[in-house]
Amino acid sequence: MRVLSVARDLQRRHARERQGLFVAEGLRTVEELLRSSLAIRGALVAPPASDLSHAQTVLATLRQRGVTIQEVTGAEFASAADTETPQGILAIAEVPKRQDLSALRIDEPFRLVVLDAVQDPGNVGTIVRTAAALGAAAIVSLPGTVDLWNAKVVRSSMGTLFHHPTFACTWEELTSFRSRYAVPLWGADAAGEPLSKLARAEEAFPRRLAVAVGNEGGGLGVQARQAADKLVSVEIASTVESLNVAVATGILLYELR
């Protein structure tokens, strides 16, 4: 594998989808990747990582696994990197081959996080990490949402993306899954019913539930609003217009526990 050429190509979503590969950039991200079961196809190293003892330990582990490592200049590495100040190490790995939503195990309580055109990769990565930490079974990405294997999403998830179930699907697929397993959908909306008030009522939260969060600027789309069985919100001070979508998702999931 010509690692540098492939890494450059994988900056494009179309290339990631066509090749079934993604880039994990940064020392900590590569370490987390090594702890996962995902297949690693190659790695790039450049200064300053090539001069760090910590990085050398990671590179030694990659070599032990038979991973091709290409040494490049700082300028060459920057042409494939996603960060403004690259650490000088990245790896290319295979996107996990997951089945559709029907493969999910429906335990109770069951929580599903639905991303409706959430476009900021940092927000999406944080939501993936938060959802896993607060017991969500999986994350569903609907059309209009940033690619879950975007390099910044991968970094922001802090390794969670390597093992927590994520699915990209259409509204039709999500609707079919919800109908089959009787999973209601609640939409997060500033004008919705405060979740903290619902929490005071007995049996207020369904044992199975999908929670949709919307675009950073426009909120939930028309289709999500129409599909939602209920709109809910996080109570905040009247002097603040809204919360960051990742922060709001974390609060909602905490309340739903």
C-alpha atoms as a PDB file:
ATOM      1  CA  MET A   1       0.000   0.000   0.000  1.00  0.00           C
ATOM      2  CA  ARG A   2       1.232   3.498  -0.849  1.00  0.00           C
ATOM      3  CA  VAL A   3       0.180   4.856   2.510  1.00  0.00           C
ATOM      4  CA  LEU A   4       0.714   8.558   1.790  1.00  0.00           C
ATOM      5  CA  SER A   5      -1.349   8.485  -1.416  1.00  0.00           C
ATOM      6  CA  VAL A   6      -4.165   6.532   0.227  1.00  0.00           C
ATOM      7  CA  ALA A   7      -4.211   8.828   3.279  1.00  0.00           C
ATOM      8  CA  ARG A   8      -4.496  11.874   1.011  1.00  0.00           C
ATOM      9  CA  ASP A   9      -7.332  10.227  -0.909  1.00  0.00           C
ATOM     10  CA  LEU A  10      -9.209   9.385   2.303  1.00  0.00           C
ATOM     11  CA  GLN A  11      -9.664  13.056   3.088  1.00  0.00           C
ATOM     12  CA  ARG A  12     -12.700  12.770   0.775  1.00  0.00           C
ATOM     13  CA  ARG A  13     -15.891  11.111   1.996  1.00  0.00           C
ATOM     14  CA  HIS A  14     -16.450   9.416  -1.345  1.00  0.00           C
ATOM     15  CA  ALA A  15     -13.035   7.754  -1.125  1.00  0.00           C
ATOM     16  CA  ARG A  16     -13.693   6.522   2.423  1.00  0.00           C
ATOM     17  CA  GLU A  17     -17.007   5.013   1.371  1.00  0.00           C
ATOM     18  CA  ARG A  18     -15.554   3.482  -1.803  1.00  0.00           C
ATOM     19  CA  GLN A  19     -12.521   1.922  -0.119  1.00  0.00           C
ATOM     20  CA  GLY A  20     -14.068   1.134   3.251  1.00  0.00           C
ATOM     21  CA  LEU A  21     -11.114   2.789   4.993  1.00  0.00           C
ATOM     22  CA  PHE A  22     -10.597   5.718   7.365  1.00  0.00           C
ATOM     23  CA  VAL A  23      -7.737   7.698   8.912  1.00  0.00           C
ATOM     24  CA  ALA A  24      -6.942   7.759  12.624  1.00  0.00           C
ATOM     25  CA  GLU A  25      -4.632  10.705  13.247  1.00  0.00           C
ATOM     26  CA  GLY A  26      -2.653  11.539  16.369  1.00  0.00           C
ATOM     27  CA  LEU A  27      -0.707   9.486  18.880  1.00  0.00           C
ATOM     28  CA  ARG A  28      -3.555   8.890  21.304  1.00  0.00           C
ATOM     29  CA  THR A  29      -6.010   8.018  18.528  1.00  0.00           C
ATOM     30  CA  VAL A  30      -3.610   5.482  17.029  1.00  0.00           C
ATOM     31  CA  GLU A  31      -3.067   3.979  20.488  1.00  0.00           C
ATOM     32  CA  GLU A  32      -6.833   3.566  20.904  1.00  0.00           C
ATOM     33  CA  LEU A  33      -7.021   2.026  17.444  1.00  0.00           C
ATOM     34  CA  LEU A  34      -4.398  -0.538  18.452  1.00  0.00           C
ATOM     35  CA  ARG A  35      -6.571  -1.480  21.432  1.00  0.00           C
ATOM     36  CA  SER A  36      -9.518  -2.190  19.139  1.00  0.00           C
ATOM     37  CA  SER A  37     -10.251  -5.178  16.928  1.00  0.00           C
ATOM     38  CA  LEU A  38     -10.228  -3.122  13.713  1.00  0.00           C
ATOM     39  CA  ALA A  39      -7.815  -4.137  10.954  1.00  0.00           C
ATOM     40  CA  ILE A  40      -4.994  -1.603  10.441  1.00  0.00           C
ATOM     41  CA  ARG A  41      -3.753  -1.389   6.861  1.00  0.00           C
ATOM     42  CA  GLY A  42      -0.879   1.092   7.093  1.00  0.00           C
ATOM     43  CA  ALA A  43       0.674   4.009   8.969  1.00  0.00           C
ATOM     44  CA  LEU A  44       2.520   7.254   8.299  1.00  0.00           C
ATOM     45  CA  VAL A  45       5.181   8.762  10.541  1.00  0.00           C
ATOM     46  CA  ALA A  46       7.013  12.077  10.351  1.00  0.00           C
ATOM     47  CA  PRO A  47       8.667  14.535  12.756  1.00  0.00           C
ATOM     48  CA  PRO A  48       7.957  15.232  15.591  1.00  0.00           C
ATOM     49  CA  ALA A  49       6.490  11.743  16.229  1.00  0.00           C
ATOM     50  CA  SER A  50       9.488   9.997  14.677  1.00  0.00           C
ATOM     51  CA  ASP A  51      11.674  11.523  17.420  1.00  0.00           C
ATOM     52  CA  LEU A  52       9.446  10.712  20.423  1.00  0.00           C
ATOM     53  CA  SER A  53      10.055   7.622  22.552  1.00  0.00           C
ATOM     54  CA  HIS A  54       6.299   7.240  23.161  1.00  0.00           C
ATOM     55  CA  ALA A  55       5.645   7.228  19.438  1.00  0.00           C
ATOM     56  CA  GLN A  56       8.427   4.708  18.912  1.00  0.00           C
ATOM     57  CA  THR A  57       6.641   2.322  21.268  1.00  0.00           C
ATOM     58  CA  VAL A  58       3.455   2.668  19.212  1.00  0.00           C
ATOM     59  CA  LEU A  59       5.373   2.174  15.976  1.00  0.00           C
ATOM     60  CA  ALA A  60       7.020  -0.938  17.395  1.00  0.00           C
ATOM     61  CA  THR A  61       3.570  -2.381  18.146  1.00  0.00           C
ATOM     62  CA  LEU A  62       2.448  -1.609  14.601  1.00  0.00           C
ATOM     63  CA  ARG A  63       5.526  -3.363  13.189  1.00  0.00           C
ATOM     64  CA  GLN A  64       4.895  -6.409  15.392  1.00  0.00           C
ATOM     65  CA  ARG A  65       1.461  -6.671  13.786  1.00  0.00           C
ATOM     66  CA  GLY A  66       2.954  -6.510  10.313  1.00  0.00           C
ATOM     67  CA  VAL A  67       1.558  -3.055   9.495  1.00  0.00           C
ATOM     68  CA  THR A  68       3.299  -1.175   6.670  1.00  0.00           C
ATOM     69  CA  ILE A  69       4.836   2.054   8.014  1.00  0.00           C
ATOM     70  CA  GLN A  70       5.905   4.797   5.624  1.00  0.00           C
ATOM     71  CA  GLU A  71       8.280   7.515   6.836  1.00  0.00           C
ATOM     72  CA  VAL A  72       7.659  10.917   5.222  1.00  0.00           C
ATOM     73  CA  THR A  73       8.705  14.535   5.635  1.00  0.00           C
ATOM     74  CA  GLY A  74       6.723  16.997   7.707  1.00  0.00           C
ATOM     75  CA  ALA A  75       5.417  18.673   4.561  1.00  0.00           C
ATOM     76  CA  GLU A  76       4.302  15.365   3.048  1.00  0.00           C
ATOM     77  CA  PHE A  77       2.569  14.390   6.275  1.00  0.00           C
ATOM     78  CA  ALA A  78       0.762  17.743   6.417  1.00  0.00           C
ATOM     79  CA  SER A  79      -0.686  17.080   2.951  1.00  0.00           C
ATOM     80  CA  ALA A  80      -2.503  14.042   4.350  1.00  0.00           C
ATOM     81  CA  ALA A  81      -3.256  15.377   7.832  1.00  0.00           C
ATOM     82  CA  ASP A  82      -6.508  16.884   9.054  1.00  0.00           C
ATOM     83  CA  THR A  83      -5.052  18.885  11.949  1.00  0.00           C
ATOM     84  CA  GLU A  84      -3.463  22.337  11.870  1.00  0.00           C
ATOM     85  CA  THR A  85      -0.484  21.182  13.946  1.00  0.00           C
ATOM     86  CA  PRO A  86       0.013  17.503  13.077  1.00  0.00           C
ATOM     87  CA  GLN A  87       1.648  15.224  15.638  1.00  0.00           C
ATOM     88  CA  GLY A  88       3.333  13.254  12.873  1.00  0.00           C
ATOM     89  CA  ILE A  89       1.580   9.912  13.155  1.00  0.00           C
ATOM     90  CA  LEU A  90      -1.555   8.450  11.582  1.00  0.00           C
ATOM     91  CA  ALA A  91      -2.900   5.050  10.717  1.00  0.00           C
ATOM     92  CA  ILE A  92      -5.260   3.772   8.036  1.00  0.00           C
ATOM     93  CA  ALA A  93      -7.805   1.183   9.155  1.00  0.00           C
ATOM     94  CA  GLU A  94     -10.851  -0.626   7.848  1.00  0.00           C
ATOM     95  CA  VAL A  95     -14.302   0.727   8.632  1.00  0.00           C
ATOM     96  CA  PRO A  96     -16.083  -1.997  10.640  1.00  0.00           C
ATOM     97  CA  LYS A  97     -18.525  -4.010   8.583  1.00  0.00           C
ATOM     98  CA  ARG A  98     -21.747  -3.681  10.538  1.00  0.00           C
ATOM     99  CA  GLN A  99     -25.124  -5.034   9.612  1.00  0.00           C
ATOM    100  CA  ASP A 100     -28.258  -2.908   9.549  1.00  0.00           C
ATOM    101  CA  LEU A 101     -30.200  -1.777  12.605  1.00  0.00           C
ATOM    102  CA  SER A 102     -32.006  -5.096  12.889  1.00  0.00           C
ATOM    103  CA  ALA A 103     -28.746  -6.595  14.168  1.00  0.00           C
ATOM    104  CA  LEU A 104     -29.018  -4.547  17.369  1.00  0.00           C
ATOM    105  CA  ARG A 105     -29.775  -6.384  20.574  1.00  0.00           C
ATOM    106  CA  ILE A 106     -32.914  -4.886  22.122  1.00  0.00           C
ATOM    107  CA  ASP A 107     -32.298  -4.946  25.859  1.00  0.00           C
ATOM    108  CA  GLU A 108     -34.301  -2.773  28.238  1.00  0.00           C
ATOM    109  CA  PRO A 109     -33.868   0.030  28.901  1.00  0.00           C
ATOM    110  CA  PHE A 110     -32.950   0.651  25.266  1.00  0.00           C
ATOM    111  CA  ARG A 111     -31.731   4.079  24.118  1.00  0.00           C
ATOM    112  CA  LEU A 112     -30.895   5.001  20.533  1.00  0.00           C
ATOM    113  CA  VAL A 113     -29.359   8.369  19.581  1.00  0.00           C
ATOM    114  CA  VAL A 114     -30.452   9.659  16.163  1.00  0.00           C
ATOM    115  CA  LEU A 115     -28.385  12.356  14.428  1.00  0.00           C
ATOM    116  CA  ASP A 116     -30.555  14.445  12.107  1.00  0.00           C
ATOM    117  CA  ALA A 117     -28.229  16.465   9.848  1.00  0.00           C
ATOM    118  CA  VAL A 118     -25.703  17.196  12.608  1.00  0.00           C
ATOM    119  CA  GLN A 119     -22.840  18.593  10.588  1.00  0.00           C
ATOM    120  CA  ASP A 120     -20.001  19.578  12.910  1.00  0.00           C
ATOM    121  CA  PRO A 121     -17.576  16.639  13.173  1.00  0.00           C
ATOM    122  CA  GLY A 122     -16.394  17.695  16.635  1.00  0.00           C
ATOM    123  CA  ASN A 123     -19.974  17.628  17.901  1.00  0.00           C
ATOM    124  CA  VAL A 124     -20.656  14.246  16.329  1.00  0.00           C
ATOM    125  CA  GLY A 125     -17.522  12.684  17.807  1.00  0.00           C
ATOM    126  CA  THR A 126     -18.387  14.057  21.237  1.00  0.00           C
ATOM    127  CA  ILE A 127     -21.958  12.750  20.957  1.00  0.00           C
ATOM    128  CA  VAL A 128     -20.669   9.268  20.073  1.00  0.00           C
ATOM    129  CA  ARG A 129     -18.392   9.276  23.120  1.00  0.00           C
ATOM    130  CA  THR A 130     -21.073  10.686  25.434  1.00  0.00           C
ATOM    131  CA  ALA A 131     -23.778   8.334  24.189  1.00  0.00           C
ATOM    132  CA  ALA A 132     -21.581   5.310  24.839  1.00  0.00           C
ATOM    133  CA  ALA A 133     -20.700   6.588  28.319  1.00  0.00           C
ATOM    134  CA  LEU A 134     -24.366   7.128  29.230  1.00  0.00           C
ATOM    135  CA  GLY A 135     -25.636   3.771  28.076  1.00  0.00           C
ATOM    136  CA  ALA A 136     -27.033   4.379  24.581  1.00  0.00           C
ATOM    137  CA  ALA A 137     -27.139   1.143  22.591  1.00  0.00           C
ATOM    138  CA  ALA A 138     -26.072   2.769  19.317  1.00  0.00           C
ATOM    139  CA  ILE A 139     -25.887   5.965  17.279  1.00  0.00           C
ATOM    140  CA  VAL A 140     -27.809   6.361  14.023  1.00  0.00           C
ATOM    141  CA  SER A 141     -26.660   8.857  11.399  1.00  0.00           C
ATOM    142  CA  LEU A 142     -29.367  10.127   9.042  1.00  0.00           C
ATOM    143  CA  PRO A 143     -28.787  11.810   5.650  1.00  0.00           C
ATOM    144  CA  GLY A 144     -27.259  15.262   5.982  1.00  0.00           C
ATOM    145  CA  THR A 145     -25.095  14.280   8.961  1.00  0.00           C
ATOM    146  CA  VAL A 146     -21.321  14.471   8.619  1.00  0.00           C
ATOM    147  CA  ASP A 147     -19.609  11.180   7.747  1.00  0.00           C
ATOM    148  CA  LEU A 148     -19.033   9.249  10.983  1.00  0.00           C
ATOM    149  CA  TRP A 149     -15.570   8.247   9.716  1.00  0.00           C
ATOM    150  CA  ASN A 150     -14.436  11.798   9.041  1.00  0.00           C
ATOM    151  CA  ALA A 151     -10.977  12.183  10.639  1.00  0.00           C
ATOM    152  CA  LYS A 152     -12.171  14.836  13.116  1.00  0.00           C
ATOM    153  CA  VAL A 153     -15.150  12.708  14.181  1.00  0.00           C
ATOM    154  CA  VAL A 154     -12.726   9.834  14.781  1.00  0.00           C
ATOM    155  CA  ARG A 155     -10.436  12.006  16.944  1.00  0.00           C
ATOM    156  CA  SER A 156     -13.295  13.626  18.861  1.00  0.00           C
ATOM    157  CA  SER A 157     -14.792  10.259  19.751  1.00  0.00           C
ATOM    158  CA  MET A 158     -11.560   9.430  21.609  1.00  0.00           C
ATOM    159  CA  GLY A 159     -11.590   5.849  20.400  1.00  0.00           C
ATOM    160  CA  THR A 160     -15.257   5.186  21.201  1.00  0.00           C
ATOM    161  CA  LEU A 161     -16.076   4.967  17.490  1.00  0.00           C
ATOM    162  CA  PHE A 162     -13.810   1.923  17.216  1.00  0.00           C
ATOM    163  CA  HIS A 163     -16.069  -0.278  19.331  1.00  0.00           C
ATOM    164  CA  HIS A 164     -19.456   1.398  19.895  1.00  0.00           C
ATOM    165  CA  PRO A 165     -22.197   0.526  17.343  1.00  0.00           C
ATOM    166  CA  THR A 166     -22.919   3.253  14.793  1.00  0.00           C
ATOM    167  CA  PHE A 167     -25.169   3.041  11.745  1.00  0.00           C
ATOM    168  CA  ALA A 168     -25.786   5.263   8.734  1.00  0.00           C
ATOM    169  CA  CYS A 169     -29.331   4.758   7.478  1.00  0.00           C
ATOM    170  CA  THR A 170     -32.301   6.396   5.791  1.00  0.00           C
ATOM    171  CA  TRP A 171     -35.502   7.597   7.430  1.00  0.00           C
ATOM    172  CA  GLU A 172     -37.304   4.650   5.854  1.00  0.00           C
ATOM    173  CA  GLU A 173     -34.895   2.180   7.471  1.00  0.00           C
ATOM    174  CA  LEU A 174     -35.191   3.891  10.855  1.00  0.00           C
ATOM    175  CA  THR A 175     -38.994   3.945  10.629  1.00  0.00           C
ATOM    176  CA  SER A 176     -39.081   0.247   9.760  1.00  0.00           C
ATOM    177  CA  PHE A 177     -36.846  -0.579  12.744  1.00  0.00           C
ATOM    178  CA  ARG A 178     -38.920   1.512  15.131  1.00  0.00           C
ATOM    179  CA  SER A 179     -42.133  -0.084  13.929  1.00  0.00           C
ATOM    180  CA  ARG A 180     -40.767  -3.609  14.184  1.00  0.00           C
ATOM    181  CA  TYR A 181     -39.432  -3.193  17.734  1.00  0.00           C
ATOM    182  CA  ALA A 182     -41.957  -0.654  19.069  1.00  0.00           C
ATOM    183  CA  VAL A 183     -39.425   2.118  19.683  1.00  0.00           C
ATOM    184  CA  PRO A 184     -40.979   5.593  20.086  1.00  0.00           C
ATOM    185  CA  LEU A 185     -39.068   8.651  18.891  1.00  0.00           C
ATOM    186  CA  TRP A 186     -38.566  11.798  20.963  1.00  0.00           C
ATOM    187  CA  GLY A 187     -37.098  14.889  19.347  1.00  0.00           C
ATOM    188  CA  ALA A 188     -34.904  17.410  21.146  1.00  0.00           C
ATOM    189  CA  ASP A 189     -36.298  20.902  20.626  1.00  0.00           C
ATOM    190  CA  ALA A 190     -36.015  24.128  22.598  1.00  0.00           C
ATOM    191  CA  ALA A 191     -39.823  24.476  22.591  1.00  0.00           C
ATOM    192  CA  GLY A 192     -40.378  20.910  23.750  1.00  0.00           C
ATOM    193  CA  GLU A 193     -41.583  19.665  27.126  1.00  0.00           C
ATOM    194  CA  PRO A 194     -38.809  19.937  29.747  1.00  0.00           C
ATOM    195  CA  LEU A 195     -37.391  16.479  30.350  1.00  0.00           C
ATOM    196  CA  SER A 196     -36.764  17.236  34.008  1.00  0.00           C
ATOM    197  CA  LYS A 197     -40.519  17.690  34.561  1.00  0.00           C
ATOM    198  CA  LEU A 198     -41.285  14.435  32.776  1.00  0.00           C
ATOM    199  CA  ALA A 199     -38.767  12.713  35.021  1.00  0.00           C
ATOM    200  CA  ARG A 200     -40.919  13.472  38.084  1.00  0.00           C
ATOM    201  CA  ALA A 201     -43.833  11.497  36.691  1.00  0.00           C
ATOM    202  CA  GLU A 202     -44.009   7.770  37.327  1.00  0.00           C
ATOM    203  CA  GLU A 203     -43.266   5.617  34.276  1.00  0.00           C
ATOM    204  CA  ALA A 204     -42.674   8.783  32.224  1.00  0.00           C
ATOM    205  CA  PHE A 205     -39.835   7.341  30.170  1.00  0.00           C
ATOM    206  CA  PRO A 206     -40.478   4.455  27.756  1.00  0.00           C
ATOM    207  CA  ARG A 207     -38.288   1.405  28.297  1.00  0.00           C
ATOM    208  CA  ARG A 208     -37.385   1.626  24.618  1.00  0.00           C
ATOM    209  CA  LEU A 209     -36.682   5.039  23.153  1.00  0.00           C
ATOM    210  CA  ALA A 210     -34.933   6.771  20.255  1.00  0.00           C
ATOM    211  CA  VAL A 211     -33.853  10.392  20.808  1.00  0.00           C
ATOM    212  CA  ALA A 212     -33.268  12.619  17.777  1.00  0.00           C
ATOM    213  CA  VAL A 213     -31.028  15.682  17.930  1.00  0.00           C
ATOM    214  CA  GLY A 214     -30.847  18.166  15.097  1.00  0.00           C
ATOM    215  CA  ASN A 215     -28.664  20.464  13.071  1.00  0.00           C
ATOM    216  CA  GLU A 216     -26.567  23.035  14.949  1.00  0.00           C
ATOM    217  CA  GLY A 217     -28.223  25.976  13.218  1.00  0.00           C
ATOM    218  CA  GLY A 218     -31.702  24.823  12.233  1.00  0.00           C
ATOM    219  CA  GLY A 219     -32.508  22.172  14.812  1.00  0.00           C
ATOM    220  CA  LEU A 220     -34.638  19.188  13.863  1.00  0.00           C
ATOM    221  CA  GLY A 221     -35.725  18.915  10.260  1.00  0.00           C
ATOM    222  CA  VAL A 222     -39.335  18.738   9.108  1.00  0.00           C
ATOM    223  CA  GLN A 223     -39.279  14.962   8.735  1.00  0.00           C
ATOM    224  CA  ALA A 224     -37.927  14.473  12.252  1.00  0.00           C
ATOM    225  CA  ARG A 225     -40.585  16.748  13.725  1.00  0.00           C
ATOM    226  CA  GLN A 226     -43.329  14.903  11.898  1.00  0.00           C
ATOM    227  CA  ALA A 227     -41.986  11.505  12.973  1.00  0.00           C
ATOM    228  CA  ALA A 228     -41.454  12.451  16.630  1.00  0.00           C
ATOM    229  CA  ASP A 229     -43.953  11.126  19.169  1.00  0.00           C
ATOM    230  CA  LYS A 230     -42.916  13.887  21.551  1.00  0.00           C
ATOM    231  CA  LEU A 231     -40.669  16.969  21.586  1.00  0.00           C
ATOM    232  CA  VAL A 232     -38.557  17.407  24.710  1.00  0.00           C
ATOM    233  CA  SER A 233     -36.115  20.018  25.935  1.00  0.00           C
ATOM    234  CA  VAL A 234     -33.479  20.839  28.526  1.00  0.00           C
ATOM    235  CA  GLU A 235     -34.447  23.610  30.953  1.00  0.00           C
ATOM    236  CA  ILE A 236     -31.953  26.475  30.770  1.00  0.00           C
ATOM    237  CA  ALA A 237     -31.802  30.096  31.911  1.00  0.00           C
ATOM    238  CA  SER A 238     -33.927  32.511  29.907  1.00  0.00           C
ATOM    239  CA  THR A 239     -30.842  34.630  29.221  1.00  0.00           C
ATOM    240  CA  VAL A 240     -29.308  31.802  27.151  1.00  0.00           C
ATOM    241  CA  GLU A 241     -30.800  31.012  23.748  1.00  0.00           C
ATOM    242  CA  SER A 242     -29.609  27.447  23.312  1.00  0.00           C
ATOM    243  CA  LEU A 243     -27.045  24.785  24.176  1.00  0.00           C
ATOM    244  CA  ASN A 244     -24.408  23.138  22.030  1.00  0.00           C
ATOM    245  CA  VAL A 245     -25.966  20.003  20.511  1.00  0.00           C
ATOM    246  CA  ALA A 246     -23.387  17.689  22.074  1.00  0.00           C
ATOM    247  CA  VAL A 247     -23.898  19.219  25.521  1.00  0.00           C
ATOM    248  CA  ALA A 248     -27.689  19.028  25.187  1.00  0.00           C
ATOM    249  CA  THR A 249     -27.488  15.388  24.081  1.00  0.00           C
ATOM    250  CA  GLY A 250     -25.395  14.534  27.129  1.00  0.00           C
ATOM    251  CA  ILE A 251     -27.881  16.159  29.500  1.00  0.00           C
ATOM    252  CA  LEU A 252     -30.848  14.439  27.851  1.00  0.00           C
ATOM    253  CA  LEU A 253     -29.216  11.026  28.034  1.00  0.00           C
ATOM    254  CA  TYR A 254     -28.266  11.587  31.679  1.00  0.00           C
ATOM    255  CA  GLU A 255     -31.859  12.504  32.523  1.00  0.00           C
ATOM    256  CA  LEU A 256     -33.116   9.434  30.669  1.00  0.00           C
ATOM    257  CA  ARG A 257     -31.014   7.119  32.814  1.00  0.00           C
END
